[in-house]
Amino acid sequence: MGVNVETFFNGALDFQISDRLSAGLQNFYAKFGTREQINTLTVVRYHVTDKVNLFAGTESQYGTNLITGELELLQVNLNVGLGYEVADDFML
């Protein structure tokens, strides 16, 4: 494989804990040039109504230099907010 090869993977899991409470896990992997990045997001949602939810979670992003093998924490975020679920066929 050459240095200019780019690879991307994305995956998500959602778990319904109760009628109003759910949790999710999302992972994103990217490899480009001599860098590799992994982004992981965990979230808990409380469904106020069928369409509206309150959410909180963490997001962390790690990077690796493939030449030196050096691993570094790029960022950690705490996410809190209000969400609205749109129809599956909604397009911007």
N, C-alpha and C. Protein backbone atom coordinates (compact mmCIF):
# COMPACT_ATOMS: atom_id res chain seq x y z
N MET A 1 0.83 -1.17 0.00
CA MET A 1 0.00 0.00 0.00
C MET A 1 0.88 1.24 0.00
N GLY A 2 0.54 2.21 -0.83
CA GLY A 2 1.29 3.46 -0.87
C GLY A 2 0.90 4.41 0.24
N VAL A 3 1.65 5.47 0.34
CA VAL A 3 1.42 6.47 1.38
C VAL A 3 0.11 7.22 1.14
N ASN A 4 -0.33 7.38 -0.09
CA ASN A 4 -1.50 8.19 -0.41
C ASN A 4 -2.83 7.44 -0.34
N VAL A 5 -2.85 6.24 0.16
CA VAL A 5 -4.08 5.47 0.27
C VAL A 5 -4.90 5.99 1.44
N GLU A 6 -6.20 6.19 1.22
CA GLU A 6 -7.10 6.65 2.28
C GLU A 6 -8.14 5.57 2.55
N THR A 7 -8.40 5.31 3.84
CA THR A 7 -9.37 4.31 4.25
C THR A 7 -10.27 4.91 5.32
N PHE A 8 -11.58 4.68 5.21
CA PHE A 8 -12.53 5.20 6.19
C PHE A 8 -13.54 4.12 6.55
N PHE A 9 -13.88 4.00 7.83
CA PHE A 9 -14.92 3.08 8.31
C PHE A 9 -15.75 3.82 9.34
N ASN A 10 -17.03 3.56 9.37
CA ASN A 10 -17.93 4.18 10.33
C ASN A 10 -18.94 3.13 10.79
N GLY A 11 -19.21 3.09 12.09
CA GLY A 11 -20.19 2.13 12.62
C GLY A 11 -20.92 2.72 13.81
N ALA A 12 -22.16 2.28 14.01
CA ALA A 12 -22.95 2.81 15.12
C ALA A 12 -23.86 1.72 15.68
N LEU A 13 -24.04 1.75 16.99
CA LEU A 13 -24.95 0.85 17.68
C LEU A 13 -25.86 1.68 18.57
N ASP A 14 -27.15 1.37 18.58
CA ASP A 14 -28.10 2.03 19.46
C ASP A 14 -28.80 0.98 20.30
N PHE A 15 -28.97 1.28 21.57
CA PHE A 15 -29.62 0.37 22.51
C PHE A 15 -30.81 1.06 23.17
N GLN A 16 -31.97 0.45 23.12
CA GLN A 16 -33.14 0.98 23.81
C GLN A 16 -33.15 0.37 25.21
N ILE A 17 -32.95 1.20 26.24
CA ILE A 17 -32.88 0.72 27.61
C ILE A 17 -34.27 0.63 28.23
N SER A 18 -35.10 1.65 27.98
CA SER A 18 -36.49 1.67 28.44
C SER A 18 -37.31 2.45 27.42
N ASP A 19 -38.56 2.72 27.72
CA ASP A 19 -39.41 3.46 26.78
C ASP A 19 -38.84 4.84 26.45
N ARG A 20 -38.22 5.48 27.42
CA ARG A 20 -37.73 6.85 27.22
C ARG A 20 -36.21 6.99 27.22
N LEU A 21 -35.49 5.94 27.58
CA LEU A 21 -34.04 6.03 27.71
C LEU A 21 -33.34 5.14 26.69
N SER A 22 -32.35 5.71 26.00
CA SER A 22 -31.57 4.92 25.04
C SER A 22 -30.11 5.34 25.13
N ALA A 23 -29.24 4.49 24.63
CA ALA A 23 -27.80 4.75 24.62
C ALA A 23 -27.24 4.39 23.26
N GLY A 24 -26.16 5.05 22.90
CA GLY A 24 -25.56 4.78 21.61
C GLY A 24 -24.05 4.82 21.66
N LEU A 25 -23.44 4.12 20.72
CA LEU A 25 -21.99 4.07 20.56
C LEU A 25 -21.70 4.23 19.08
N GLN A 26 -20.81 5.15 18.75
CA GLN A 26 -20.44 5.35 17.36
C GLN A 26 -18.93 5.39 17.26
N ASN A 27 -18.38 4.79 16.21
CA ASN A 27 -16.94 4.73 16.02
C ASN A 27 -16.61 5.12 14.58
N PHE A 28 -15.59 5.92 14.41
CA PHE A 28 -15.14 6.34 13.09
C PHE A 28 -13.63 6.12 13.01
N TYR A 29 -13.19 5.46 11.95
CA TYR A 29 -11.77 5.17 11.73
C TYR A 29 -11.35 5.78 10.40
N ALA A 30 -10.21 6.44 10.40
CA ALA A 30 -9.68 7.02 9.16
C ALA A 30 -8.17 6.78 9.10
N LYS A 31 -7.69 6.40 7.91
CA LYS A 31 -6.25 6.26 7.66
C LYS A 31 -5.95 7.05 6.40
N PHE A 32 -5.02 7.97 6.53
CA PHE A 32 -4.65 8.77 5.38
C PHE A 32 -3.16 9.09 5.48
N GLY A 33 -2.44 8.80 4.42
CA GLY A 33 -1.00 9.03 4.43
C GLY A 33 -0.32 8.25 5.53
N THR A 34 0.41 8.93 6.37
CA THR A 34 1.12 8.28 7.47
C THR A 34 0.39 8.46 8.81
N ARG A 35 -0.88 8.84 8.77
CA ARG A 35 -1.68 9.09 9.98
C ARG A 35 -2.86 8.13 10.05
N GLU A 36 -3.24 7.81 11.27
CA GLU A 36 -4.40 6.96 11.54
C GLU A 36 -5.18 7.65 12.67
N GLN A 37 -6.51 7.76 12.54
CA GLN A 37 -7.32 8.39 13.58
C GLN A 37 -8.51 7.52 13.93
N ILE A 38 -8.84 7.50 15.21
CA ILE A 38 -10.02 6.78 15.71
C ILE A 38 -10.82 7.77 16.55
N ASN A 39 -12.10 7.89 16.24
CA ASN A 39 -13.00 8.79 16.95
C ASN A 39 -14.13 7.94 17.53
N THR A 40 -14.33 7.99 18.85
CA THR A 40 -15.36 7.21 19.52
C THR A 40 -16.31 8.14 20.26
N LEU A 41 -17.60 7.93 20.06
CA LEU A 41 -18.63 8.74 20.68
C LEU A 41 -19.59 7.84 21.46
N THR A 42 -19.85 8.18 22.72
CA THR A 42 -20.87 7.49 23.51
C THR A 42 -21.91 8.53 23.90
N VAL A 43 -23.19 8.14 23.87
CA VAL A 43 -24.26 9.08 24.15
C VAL A 43 -25.41 8.37 24.87
N VAL A 44 -26.05 9.11 25.77
CA VAL A 44 -27.27 8.64 26.45
C VAL A 44 -28.35 9.65 26.11
N ARG A 45 -29.53 9.15 25.70
CA ARG A 45 -30.64 10.02 25.32
C ARG A 45 -31.86 9.74 26.18
N TYR A 46 -32.49 10.83 26.64
CA TYR A 46 -33.77 10.73 27.34
C TYR A 46 -34.82 11.33 26.42
N HIS A 47 -35.76 10.51 25.97
CA HIS A 47 -36.77 10.93 25.01
C HIS A 47 -37.93 11.62 25.75
N VAL A 48 -38.01 12.94 25.60
CA VAL A 48 -39.06 13.73 26.21
C VAL A 48 -40.39 13.46 25.51
N THR A 49 -40.37 13.43 24.18
CA THR A 49 -41.51 13.05 23.34
C THR A 49 -41.00 12.08 22.29
N ASP A 50 -41.86 11.72 21.32
CA ASP A 50 -41.43 10.81 20.25
C ASP A 50 -40.31 11.41 19.41
N LYS A 51 -40.29 12.72 19.25
CA LYS A 51 -39.31 13.38 18.37
C LYS A 51 -38.22 14.15 19.12
N VAL A 52 -38.47 14.56 20.35
CA VAL A 52 -37.53 15.42 21.09
C VAL A 52 -36.81 14.62 22.16
N ASN A 53 -35.48 14.82 22.26
CA ASN A 53 -34.70 14.13 23.29
C ASN A 53 -33.64 15.05 23.87
N LEU A 54 -33.28 14.79 25.10
CA LEU A 54 -32.14 15.42 25.75
C LEU A 54 -31.00 14.41 25.69
N PHE A 55 -29.78 14.86 25.39
CA PHE A 55 -28.68 13.92 25.29
C PHE A 55 -27.43 14.43 26.00
N ALA A 56 -26.60 13.49 26.40
CA ALA A 56 -25.29 13.79 26.99
C ALA A 56 -24.35 12.65 26.63
N GLY A 57 -23.09 12.99 26.42
CA GLY A 57 -22.13 11.95 26.09
C GLY A 57 -20.71 12.48 25.99
N THR A 58 -19.81 11.59 25.67
CA THR A 58 -18.41 11.95 25.49
C THR A 58 -17.94 11.56 24.10
N GLU A 59 -16.95 12.28 23.62
CA GLU A 59 -16.33 12.00 22.33
C GLU A 59 -14.82 12.10 22.50
N SER A 60 -14.11 11.10 22.06
CA SER A 60 -12.65 11.13 22.15
C SER A 60 -12.04 10.79 20.79
N GLN A 61 -10.94 11.43 20.50
CA GLN A 61 -10.27 11.23 19.22
C GLN A 61 -8.79 10.98 19.48
N TYR A 62 -8.30 9.88 18.94
CA TYR A 62 -6.90 9.49 19.08
C TYR A 62 -6.25 9.47 17.70
N GLY A 63 -4.98 9.78 17.66
CA GLY A 63 -4.24 9.73 16.42
C GLY A 63 -2.97 8.92 16.58
N THR A 64 -2.53 8.29 15.50
CA THR A 64 -1.29 7.51 15.50
C THR A 64 -0.45 7.92 14.29
N ASN A 65 0.82 8.16 14.54
CA ASN A 65 1.77 8.36 13.47
C ASN A 65 2.27 6.98 13.09
N LEU A 66 1.98 6.53 11.87
CA LEU A 66 2.31 5.17 11.45
C LEU A 66 3.80 4.95 11.24
N ILE A 67 4.56 6.00 11.09
CA ILE A 67 6.00 5.84 10.91
C ILE A 67 6.69 5.64 12.25
N THR A 68 6.35 6.47 13.24
CA THR A 68 7.00 6.38 14.56
C THR A 68 6.23 5.49 15.54
N GLY A 69 4.95 5.23 15.25
CA GLY A 69 4.12 4.46 16.17
C GLY A 69 3.62 5.26 17.35
N GLU A 70 3.85 6.57 17.34
CA GLU A 70 3.45 7.44 18.44
C GLU A 70 1.93 7.61 18.48
N LEU A 71 1.35 7.35 19.66
CA LEU A 71 -0.08 7.50 19.88
C LEU A 71 -0.32 8.79 20.64
N GLU A 72 -1.30 9.58 20.20
CA GLU A 72 -1.59 10.83 20.89
C GLU A 72 -3.09 11.03 21.02
N LEU A 73 -3.48 11.58 22.15
CA LEU A 73 -4.88 11.95 22.37
C LEU A 73 -5.07 13.32 21.74
N LEU A 74 -5.92 13.40 20.71
CA LEU A 74 -6.11 14.66 20.01
C LEU A 74 -7.10 15.56 20.71
N GLN A 75 -8.22 14.98 21.18
CA GLN A 75 -9.21 15.79 21.89
C GLN A 75 -10.22 14.91 22.61
N VAL A 76 -10.80 15.48 23.65
CA VAL A 76 -11.89 14.85 24.38
C VAL A 76 -12.97 15.91 24.55
N ASN A 77 -14.20 15.59 24.20
CA ASN A 77 -15.31 16.53 24.29
C ASN A 77 -16.41 15.97 25.16
N LEU A 78 -17.12 16.86 25.84
CA LEU A 78 -18.33 16.51 26.56
C LEU A 78 -19.47 17.17 25.81
N ASN A 79 -20.43 16.37 25.36
CA ASN A 79 -21.55 16.87 24.58
C ASN A 79 -22.84 16.79 25.38
N VAL A 80 -23.57 17.89 25.44
CA VAL A 80 -24.87 17.96 26.11
C VAL A 80 -25.77 18.79 25.23
N GLY A 81 -27.03 18.35 25.05
CA GLY A 81 -27.89 19.15 24.20
C GLY A 81 -29.31 18.63 24.09
N LEU A 82 -30.02 19.25 23.16
CA LEU A 82 -31.40 18.93 22.85
C LEU A 82 -31.43 18.44 21.42
N GLY A 83 -32.07 17.29 21.19
CA GLY A 83 -32.12 16.73 19.85
C GLY A 83 -33.54 16.62 19.33
N TYR A 84 -33.67 16.65 18.01
CA TYR A 84 -34.96 16.49 17.34
C TYR A 84 -34.78 15.47 16.23
N GLU A 85 -35.59 14.43 16.21
CA GLU A 85 -35.48 13.38 15.21
C GLU A 85 -36.37 13.71 14.02
N VAL A 86 -35.78 13.72 12.84
CA VAL A 86 -36.51 14.00 11.60
C VAL A 86 -36.83 12.69 10.90
N ALA A 87 -37.66 12.75 9.88
CA ALA A 87 -38.05 11.57 9.11
C ALA A 87 -36.84 10.96 8.42
N ASP A 88 -36.86 9.64 8.20
CA ASP A 88 -35.74 8.94 7.55
C ASP A 88 -35.48 9.45 6.14
N ASP A 89 -36.51 9.93 5.44
CA ASP A 89 -36.34 10.40 4.06
C ASP A 89 -36.06 11.90 3.98
N PHE A 90 -35.76 12.53 5.11
CA PHE A 90 -35.43 13.96 5.15
C PHE A 90 -34.11 14.20 4.47
N MET A 91 -34.06 15.20 3.58
CA MET A 91 -32.84 15.50 2.86
C MET A 91 -32.62 17.00 2.85
N LEU A 92 -31.37 17.43 3.10
CA LEU A 92 -31.03 18.86 3.02
C LEU A 92 -30.58 19.22 1.65
